[in-house]
PDB file of all heavy atoms in Angstrom:
ATOM      1  N   GLU A   1       0.983 -10.496  -2.150  1.00  0.00           N
ATOM      2  CA  GLU A   1       0.620  -9.199  -1.568  1.00  0.00           C
ATOM      3  C   GLU A   1       1.799  -8.560  -0.843  1.00  0.00           C
ATOM      4  O   GLU A   1       2.000  -7.345  -0.941  1.00  0.00           O
ATOM      5  CB  GLU A   1      -0.574  -9.326  -0.637  1.00  0.00           C
ATOM      6  CG  GLU A   1      -1.057  -7.968  -0.152  1.00  0.00           C
ATOM      7  CD  GLU A   1      -2.409  -7.997   0.516  1.00  0.00           C
ATOM      8  OE1 GLU A   1      -3.271  -8.799   0.104  1.00  0.00           O
ATOM      9  OE2 GLU A   1      -2.600  -7.198   1.453  1.00  0.00           O
ATOM     10  N   ARG A   2       2.581  -9.345  -0.144  1.00  0.00           N
ATOM     11  CA  ARG A   2       3.761  -8.768   0.525  1.00  0.00           C
ATOM     12  C   ARG A   2       4.711  -8.152  -0.491  1.00  0.00           C
ATOM     13  O   ARG A   2       5.270  -7.066  -0.258  1.00  0.00           O
ATOM     14  CB  ARG A   2       4.485  -9.835   1.343  1.00  0.00           C
ATOM     15  CG  ARG A   2       3.774 -10.242   2.622  1.00  0.00           C
ATOM     16  CD  ARG A   2       4.711 -10.995   3.546  1.00  0.00           C
ATOM     17  NE  ARG A   2       5.278 -12.186   2.928  1.00  0.00           N
ATOM     18  CZ  ARG A   2       4.741 -13.397   3.018  1.00  0.00           C
ATOM     19  NH1 ARG A   2       3.613 -13.569   3.693  1.00  0.00           N
ATOM     20  NH2 ARG A   2       5.316 -14.432   2.434  1.00  0.00           N
ATOM     21  N   GLY A   3       4.909  -8.825  -1.613  1.00  0.00           N
ATOM     22  CA  GLY A   3       5.797  -8.302  -2.641  1.00  0.00           C
ATOM     23  C   GLY A   3       5.285  -7.000  -3.232  1.00  0.00           C
ATOM     24  O   GLY A   3       6.061  -6.055  -3.455  1.00  0.00           O
ATOM     25  N   ILE A   4       3.995  -6.921  -3.503  1.00  0.00           N
ATOM     26  CA  ILE A   4       3.410  -5.695  -4.051  1.00  0.00           C
ATOM     27  C   ILE A   4       3.533  -4.558  -3.044  1.00  0.00           C
ATOM     28  O   ILE A   4       3.906  -3.424  -3.392  1.00  0.00           O
ATOM     29  CB  ILE A   4       1.941  -5.933  -4.442  1.00  0.00           C
ATOM     30  CG1 ILE A   4       1.859  -6.883  -5.637  1.00  0.00           C
ATOM     31  CG2 ILE A   4       1.245  -4.609  -4.767  1.00  0.00           C
ATOM     32  CD1 ILE A   4       0.452  -7.294  -6.009  1.00  0.00           C
ATOM     33  N   ARG A   5       3.242  -4.838  -1.780  1.00  0.00           N
ATOM     34  CA  ARG A   5       3.338  -3.802  -0.754  1.00  0.00           C
ATOM     35  C   ARG A   5       4.774  -3.292  -0.608  1.00  0.00           C
ATOM     36  O   ARG A   5       5.002  -2.078  -0.434  1.00  0.00           O
ATOM     37  CB  ARG A   5       2.825  -4.341   0.580  1.00  0.00           C
ATOM     38  CG  ARG A   5       1.311  -4.461   0.666  1.00  0.00           C
ATOM     39  CD  ARG A   5       0.867  -5.111   1.957  1.00  0.00           C
ATOM     40  NE  ARG A   5      -0.585  -5.169   2.061  1.00  0.00           N
ATOM     41  CZ  ARG A   5      -1.351  -4.244   2.623  1.00  0.00           C
ATOM     42  NH1 ARG A   5      -0.780  -3.181   3.193  1.00  0.00           N
ATOM     43  NH2 ARG A   5      -2.658  -4.375   2.666  1.00  0.00           N
ATOM     44  N   ALA A   6       5.726  -4.190  -0.674  1.00  0.00           N
ATOM     45  CA  ALA A   6       7.125  -3.783  -0.533  1.00  0.00           C
ATOM     46  C   ALA A   6       7.537  -2.858  -1.668  1.00  0.00           C
ATOM     47  O   ALA A   6       8.222  -1.842  -1.449  1.00  0.00           O
ATOM     48  CB  ALA A   6       8.027  -5.007  -0.484  1.00  0.00           C
ATOM     49  N   ARG A   7       7.120  -3.177  -2.890  1.00  0.00           N
ATOM     50  CA  ARG A   7       7.482  -2.332  -4.029  1.00  0.00           C
ATOM     51  C   ARG A   7       6.772  -0.983  -3.959  1.00  0.00           C
ATOM     52  O   ARG A   7       7.357   0.061  -4.278  1.00  0.00           O
ATOM     53  CB  ARG A   7       7.127  -3.054  -5.332  1.00  0.00           C
ATOM     54  CG  ARG A   7       7.423  -2.238  -6.578  1.00  0.00           C
ATOM     55  CD  ARG A   7       8.909  -1.963  -6.723  1.00  0.00           C
ATOM     56  NE  ARG A   7       9.175  -1.144  -7.898  1.00  0.00           N
ATOM     57  CZ  ARG A   7       9.804   0.028  -7.866  1.00  0.00           C
ATOM     58  NH1 ARG A   7      10.239   0.521  -6.702  1.00  0.00           N
ATOM     59  NH2 ARG A   7      10.008   0.712  -8.978  1.00  0.00           N
ATOM     60  N   LEU A   8       5.508  -0.966  -3.525  1.00  0.00           N
ATOM     61  CA  LEU A   8       4.787   0.293  -3.382  1.00  0.00           C
ATOM     62  C   LEU A   8       5.413   1.173  -2.299  1.00  0.00           C
ATOM     63  O   LEU A   8       5.425   2.405  -2.425  1.00  0.00           O
ATOM     64  CB  LEU A   8       3.320   0.030  -3.056  1.00  0.00           C
ATOM     65  CG  LEU A   8       2.460  -0.463  -4.223  1.00  0.00           C
ATOM     66  CD1 LEU A   8       1.068  -0.860  -3.733  1.00  0.00           C
ATOM     67  CD2 LEU A   8       2.359   0.585  -5.326  1.00  0.00           C
ATOM     68  N   ALA A   9       5.922   0.559  -1.256  1.00  0.00           N
ATOM     69  CA  ALA A   9       6.583   1.333  -0.204  1.00  0.00           C
ATOM     70  C   ALA A   9       7.792   2.080  -0.750  1.00  0.00           C
ATOM     71  O   ALA A   9       8.127   3.177  -0.283  1.00  0.00           O
ATOM     72  CB  ALA A   9       6.994   0.414   0.934  1.00  0.00           C
ATOM     73  N   GLU A  10       8.435   1.499  -1.750  1.00  0.00           N
ATOM     74  CA  GLU A  10       9.583   2.151  -2.387  1.00  0.00           C
ATOM     75  C   GLU A  10       9.143   3.202  -3.406  1.00  0.00           C
ATOM     76  O   GLU A  10       9.673   4.318  -3.437  1.00  0.00           O
ATOM     77  CB  GLU A  10      10.446   1.109  -3.108  1.00  0.00           C
ATOM     78  CG  GLU A  10      11.078   0.064  -2.219  1.00  0.00           C
ATOM     79  CD  GLU A  10      11.764  -1.024  -3.021  1.00  0.00           C
ATOM     80  OE1 GLU A  10      11.569  -1.084  -4.259  1.00  0.00           O
ATOM     81  OE2 GLU A  10      12.503  -1.812  -2.416  1.00  0.00           O
ATOM     82  N   ALA A  11       8.191   2.816  -4.245  1.00  0.00           N
ATOM     83  CA  ALA A  11       7.838   3.660  -5.391  1.00  0.00           C
ATOM     84  C   ALA A  11       6.778   4.714  -5.082  1.00  0.00           C
ATOM     85  O   ALA A  11       6.774   5.790  -5.693  1.00  0.00           O
ATOM     86  CB  ALA A  11       7.350   2.776  -6.541  1.00  0.00           C
ATOM     87  N   ARG A  12       5.850   4.424  -4.164  1.00  0.00           N
ATOM     88  CA  ARG A  12       4.762   5.343  -3.832  1.00  0.00           C
ATOM     89  C   ARG A  12       4.556   5.364  -2.313  1.00  0.00           C
ATOM     90  O   ARG A  12       3.503   4.980  -1.809  1.00  0.00           O
ATOM     91  CB  ARG A  12       3.462   4.928  -4.532  1.00  0.00           C
ATOM     92  CG  ARG A  12       3.494   4.927  -6.042  1.00  0.00           C
ATOM     93  CD  ARG A  12       3.541   6.344  -6.608  1.00  0.00           C
ATOM     94  NE  ARG A  12       3.355   6.331  -8.057  1.00  0.00           N
ATOM     95  CZ  ARG A  12       4.336   6.136  -8.932  1.00  0.00           C
ATOM     96  NH1 ARG A  12       5.582   5.925  -8.497  1.00  0.00           N
ATOM     97  NH2 ARG A  12       4.095   6.157 -10.232  1.00  0.00           N
ATOM     98  N   PRO A  13       5.558   5.828  -1.558  1.00  0.00           N
ATOM     99  CA  PRO A  13       5.480   5.742  -0.091  1.00  0.00           C
ATOM    100  C   PRO A  13       4.339   6.553   0.524  1.00  0.00           C
ATOM    101  O   PRO A  13       3.934   6.271   1.658  1.00  0.00           O
ATOM    102  CB  PRO A  13       6.844   6.267   0.359  1.00  0.00           C
ATOM    103  CG  PRO A  13       7.327   7.113  -0.773  1.00  0.00           C
ATOM    104  CD  PRO A  13       6.815   6.443  -2.009  1.00  0.00           C
ATOM    105  N   ASP A  14       3.839   7.553  -0.180  1.00  0.00           N
ATOM    106  CA  ASP A  14       2.776   8.392   0.374  1.00  0.00           C
ATOM    107  C   ASP A  14       1.383   7.885   0.041  1.00  0.00           C
ATOM    108  O   ASP A  14       0.390   8.426   0.534  1.00  0.00           O
ATOM    109  CB  ASP A  14       2.920   9.828  -0.141  1.00  0.00           C
ATOM    110  CG  ASP A  14       4.211  10.486   0.324  1.00  0.00           C
ATOM    111  OD1 ASP A  14       4.660  10.166   1.446  1.00  0.00           O
ATOM    112  OD2 ASP A  14       4.770  11.298  -0.443  1.00  0.00           O
ATOM    113  N   ASP A  15       1.278   6.865  -0.800  1.00  0.00           N
ATOM    114  CA  ASP A  15      -0.019   6.327  -1.193  1.00  0.00           C
ATOM    115  C   ASP A  15      -0.532   5.325  -0.167  1.00  0.00           C
ATOM    116  O   ASP A  15       0.249   4.656   0.522  1.00  0.00           O
ATOM    117  CB  ASP A  15       0.070   5.641  -2.559  1.00  0.00           C
ATOM    118  CG  ASP A  15       0.285   6.624  -3.696  1.00  0.00           C
ATOM    119  OD1 ASP A  15       0.307   7.844  -3.433  1.00  0.00           O
ATOM    120  OD2 ASP A  15       0.428   6.161  -4.848  1.00  0.00           O
ATOM    121  N   GLY A  16      -1.854   5.183  -0.082  1.00  0.00           N
ATOM    122  CA  GLY A  16      -2.454   4.163   0.749  1.00  0.00           C
ATOM    123  C   GLY A  16      -2.548   2.831   0.020  1.00  0.00           C
ATOM    124  O   GLY A  16      -2.409   2.764  -1.205  1.00  0.00           O
ATOM    125  N   ILE A  17      -2.785   1.783   0.790  1.00  0.00           N
ATOM    126  CA  ILE A  17      -2.926   0.437   0.239  1.00  0.00           C
ATOM    127  C   ILE A  17      -4.097  -0.253   0.934  1.00  0.00           C
ATOM    128  O   ILE A  17      -4.263  -0.146   2.153  1.00  0.00           O
ATOM    129  CB  ILE A  17      -1.652  -0.410   0.450  1.00  0.00           C
ATOM    130  CG1 ILE A  17      -0.426   0.278  -0.157  1.00  0.00           C
ATOM    131  CG2 ILE A  17      -1.823  -1.801  -0.149  1.00  0.00           C
ATOM    132  CD1 ILE A  17       0.881  -0.434   0.168  1.00  0.00           C
ATOM    133  N   PHE A  18      -4.887  -0.971   0.150  1.00  0.00           N
ATOM    134  CA  PHE A  18      -5.910  -1.859   0.695  1.00  0.00           C
ATOM    135  C   PHE A  18      -5.767  -3.198  -0.007  1.00  0.00           C
ATOM    136  O   PHE A  18      -6.006  -3.304  -1.211  1.00  0.00           O
ATOM    137  CB  PHE A  18      -7.303  -1.278   0.481  1.00  0.00           C
ATOM    138  CG  PHE A  18      -8.425  -2.171   0.944  1.00  0.00           C
ATOM    139  CD1 PHE A  18      -8.278  -3.033   2.025  1.00  0.00           C
ATOM    140  CD2 PHE A  18      -9.649  -2.155   0.297  1.00  0.00           C
ATOM    141  CE1 PHE A  18      -9.305  -3.849   2.451  1.00  0.00           C
ATOM    142  CE2 PHE A  18     -10.696  -2.966   0.715  1.00  0.00           C
ATOM    143  CZ  PHE A  18     -10.524  -3.815   1.801  1.00  0.00           C
ATOM    144  N   GLY A  19      -5.351  -4.212   0.728  1.00  0.00           N
ATOM    145  CA  GLY A  19      -5.171  -5.531   0.159  1.00  0.00           C
ATOM    146  C   GLY A  19      -6.032  -6.557   0.859  1.00  0.00           C
ATOM    147  O   GLY A  19      -6.366  -6.403   2.037  1.00  0.00           O
ATOM    148  N   GLU A  20      -6.363  -7.617   0.155  1.00  0.00           N
ATOM    149  CA  GLU A  20      -7.231  -8.646   0.730  1.00  0.00           C
ATOM    150  C   GLU A  20      -6.620  -9.294   1.958  1.00  0.00           C
ATOM    151  O   GLU A  20      -7.320  -9.578   2.935  1.00  0.00           O
ATOM    152  CB  GLU A  20      -7.541  -9.723  -0.314  1.00  0.00           C
ATOM    153  CG  GLU A  20      -8.408 -10.841   0.254  1.00  0.00           C
ATOM    154  CD  GLU A  20      -8.818 -11.885  -0.757  1.00  0.00           C
ATOM    155  OE1 GLU A  20      -8.330 -11.842  -1.904  1.00  0.00           O
ATOM    156  OE2 GLU A  20      -9.633 -12.752  -0.396  1.00  0.00           O
ATOM    157  N   GLU A  21      -5.322  -9.559   1.926  1.00  0.00           N
ATOM    158  CA  GLU A  21      -4.720 -10.344   2.993  1.00  0.00           C
ATOM    159  C   GLU A  21      -4.224  -9.519   4.171  1.00  0.00           C
ATOM    160  O   GLU A  21      -4.197 -10.011   5.301  1.00  0.00           O
ATOM    161  CB  GLU A  21      -3.562 -11.176   2.433  1.00  0.00           C
ATOM    162  CG  GLU A  21      -3.932 -12.055   1.242  1.00  0.00           C
ATOM    163  CD  GLU A  21      -5.143 -12.927   1.501  1.00  0.00           C
ATOM    164  OE1 GLU A  21      -5.413 -13.274   2.666  1.00  0.00           O
ATOM    165  OE2 GLU A  21      -5.845 -13.258   0.521  1.00  0.00           O
ATOM    166  N   TYR A  22      -3.832  -8.262   3.946  1.00  0.00           N
ATOM    167  CA  TYR A  22      -3.209  -7.480   5.022  1.00  0.00           C
ATOM    168  C   TYR A  22      -3.897  -6.149   5.284  1.00  0.00           C
ATOM    169  O   TYR A  22      -3.365  -5.315   6.010  1.00  0.00           O
ATOM    170  CB  TYR A  22      -1.718  -7.276   4.726  1.00  0.00           C
ATOM    171  CG  TYR A  22      -0.956  -8.586   4.691  1.00  0.00           C
ATOM    172  CD1 TYR A  22      -0.545  -9.131   3.476  1.00  0.00           C
ATOM    173  CD2 TYR A  22      -0.688  -9.294   5.856  1.00  0.00           C
ATOM    174  CE1 TYR A  22       0.136 -10.347   3.435  1.00  0.00           C
ATOM    175  CE2 TYR A  22      -0.016 -10.504   5.822  1.00  0.00           C
ATOM    176  CZ  TYR A  22       0.394 -11.024   4.606  1.00  0.00           C
ATOM    177  OH  TYR A  22       1.060 -12.225   4.577  1.00  0.00           O
ATOM    178  N   GLY A  23      -5.078  -5.944   4.703  1.00  0.00           N
ATOM    179  CA  GLY A  23      -5.908  -4.821   5.082  1.00  0.00           C
ATOM    180  C   GLY A  23      -5.443  -3.460   4.594  1.00  0.00           C
ATOM    181  O   GLY A  23      -4.767  -3.334   3.576  1.00  0.00           O
ATOM    182  N   VAL A  24      -5.805  -2.427   5.374  1.00  0.00           N
ATOM    183  CA  VAL A  24      -5.596  -1.039   4.980  1.00  0.00           C
ATOM    184  C   VAL A  24      -4.327  -0.494   5.617  1.00  0.00           C
ATOM    185  O   VAL A  24      -4.039  -0.734   6.785  1.00  0.00           O
ATOM    186  CB  VAL A  24      -6.797  -0.167   5.394  1.00  0.00           C
ATOM    187  CG1 VAL A  24      -6.545   1.293   5.057  1.00  0.00           C
ATOM    188  CG2 VAL A  24      -8.072  -0.659   4.713  1.00  0.00           C
ATOM    189  N   GLU A  25      -3.594   0.251   4.792  1.00  0.00           N
ATOM    190  CA  GLU A  25      -2.392   0.927   5.255  1.00  0.00           C
ATOM    191  C   GLU A  25      -2.397   2.340   4.683  1.00  0.00           C
ATOM    192  O   GLU A  25      -2.521   2.522   3.476  1.00  0.00           O
ATOM    193  CB  GLU A  25      -1.153   0.173   4.779  1.00  0.00           C
ATOM    194  CG  GLU A  25       0.170   0.786   5.177  1.00  0.00           C
ATOM    195  CD  GLU A  25       1.345  -0.013   4.653  1.00  0.00           C
ATOM    196  OE1 GLU A  25       1.161  -1.216   4.341  1.00  0.00           O
ATOM    197  OE2 GLU A  25       2.442   0.556   4.539  1.00  0.00           O
ATOM    198  N   GLY A  26      -2.295   3.342   5.536  1.00  0.00           N
ATOM    199  CA  GLY A  26      -2.272   4.728   5.080  1.00  0.00           C
ATOM    200  C   GLY A  26      -3.671   5.279   4.854  1.00  0.00           C
ATOM    201  O   GLY A  26      -4.659   4.551   4.851  1.00  0.00           O
ATOM    202  N   SER A  27      -3.739   6.609   4.667  1.00  0.00           N
ATOM    203  CA  SER A  27      -5.033   7.275   4.514  1.00  0.00           C
ATOM    204  C   SER A  27      -5.020   8.295   3.373  1.00  0.00           C
ATOM    205  O   SER A  27      -5.773   9.261   3.387  1.00  0.00           O
ATOM    206  CB  SER A  27      -5.420   7.971   5.819  1.00  0.00           C
ATOM    207  OG  SER A  27      -4.413   8.896   6.220  1.00  0.00           O
ATOM    208  N   SER A  28      -4.177   8.093   2.399  1.00  0.00           N
ATOM    209  CA  SER A  28      -4.071   9.001   1.271  1.00  0.00           C
ATOM    210  C   SER A  28      -5.324   8.951   0.403  1.00  0.00           C
ATOM    211  O   SER A  28      -6.062   7.961   0.407  1.00  0.00           O
ATOM    212  CB  SER A  28      -2.842   8.626   0.431  1.00  0.00           C
ATOM    213  OG  SER A  28      -2.815   9.345  -0.785  1.00  0.00           O
ATOM    214  N   ASP A  29      -5.555  10.045  -0.364  1.00  0.00           N
ATOM    215  CA  ASP A  29      -6.651  10.007  -1.323  1.00  0.00           C
ATOM    216  C   ASP A  29      -6.302   9.153  -2.543  1.00  0.00           C
ATOM    217  O   ASP A  29      -7.136   8.908  -3.409  1.00  0.00           O
ATOM    218  CB  ASP A  29      -7.058  11.415  -1.759  1.00  0.00           C
ATOM    219  CG  ASP A  29      -5.917  12.198  -2.391  1.00  0.00           C
ATOM    220  OD1 ASP A  29      -4.791  11.668  -2.480  1.00  0.00           O
ATOM    221  OD2 ASP A  29      -6.144  13.362  -2.788  1.00  0.00           O
ATOM    222  N   ARG A  30      -5.062   8.688  -2.601  1.00  0.00           N
ATOM    223  CA  ARG A  30      -4.618   7.726  -3.614  1.00  0.00           C
ATOM    224  C   ARG A  30      -4.432   6.378  -2.923  1.00  0.00           C
ATOM    225  O   ARG A  30      -3.613   6.247  -2.025  1.00  0.00           O
ATOM    226  CB  ARG A  30      -3.297   8.180  -4.246  1.00  0.00           C
ATOM    227  CG  ARG A  30      -3.414   9.365  -5.169  1.00  0.00           C
ATOM    228  CD  ARG A  30      -2.021   9.898  -5.540  1.00  0.00           C
ATOM    229  NE  ARG A  30      -1.096   8.835  -5.907  1.00  0.00           N
ATOM    230  CZ  ARG A  30      -0.890   8.407  -7.166  1.00  0.00           C
ATOM    231  NH1 ARG A  30      -1.561   8.957  -8.171  1.00  0.00           N
ATOM    232  NH2 ARG A  30      -0.019   7.458  -7.421  1.00  0.00           N
ATOM    233  N   GLN A  31      -5.206   5.399  -3.333  1.00  0.00           N
ATOM    234  CA  GLN A  31      -5.161   4.094  -2.675  1.00  0.00           C
ATOM    235  C   GLN A  31      -4.992   2.989  -3.710  1.00  0.00           C
ATOM    236  O   GLN A  31      -5.751   2.890  -4.676  1.00  0.00           O
ATOM    237  CB  GLN A  31      -6.440   3.835  -1.886  1.00  0.00           C
ATOM    238  CG  GLN A  31      -6.430   2.532  -1.098  1.00  0.00           C
ATOM    239  CD  GLN A  31      -7.749   2.267  -0.387  1.00  0.00           C
ATOM    240  OE1 GLN A  31      -8.789   2.126  -1.025  1.00  0.00           O
ATOM    241  NE2 GLN A  31      -7.686   2.207   0.928  1.00  0.00           N
TER     242      GLN A  31
END
């Protein structure tokens, strides 16, 4: 999950993320 989040931060910085291990990040309509 850390690896996926790190890559998304680079490629889709404006998108939100919801992961099992580290929860919700951001509030975009794209998650």
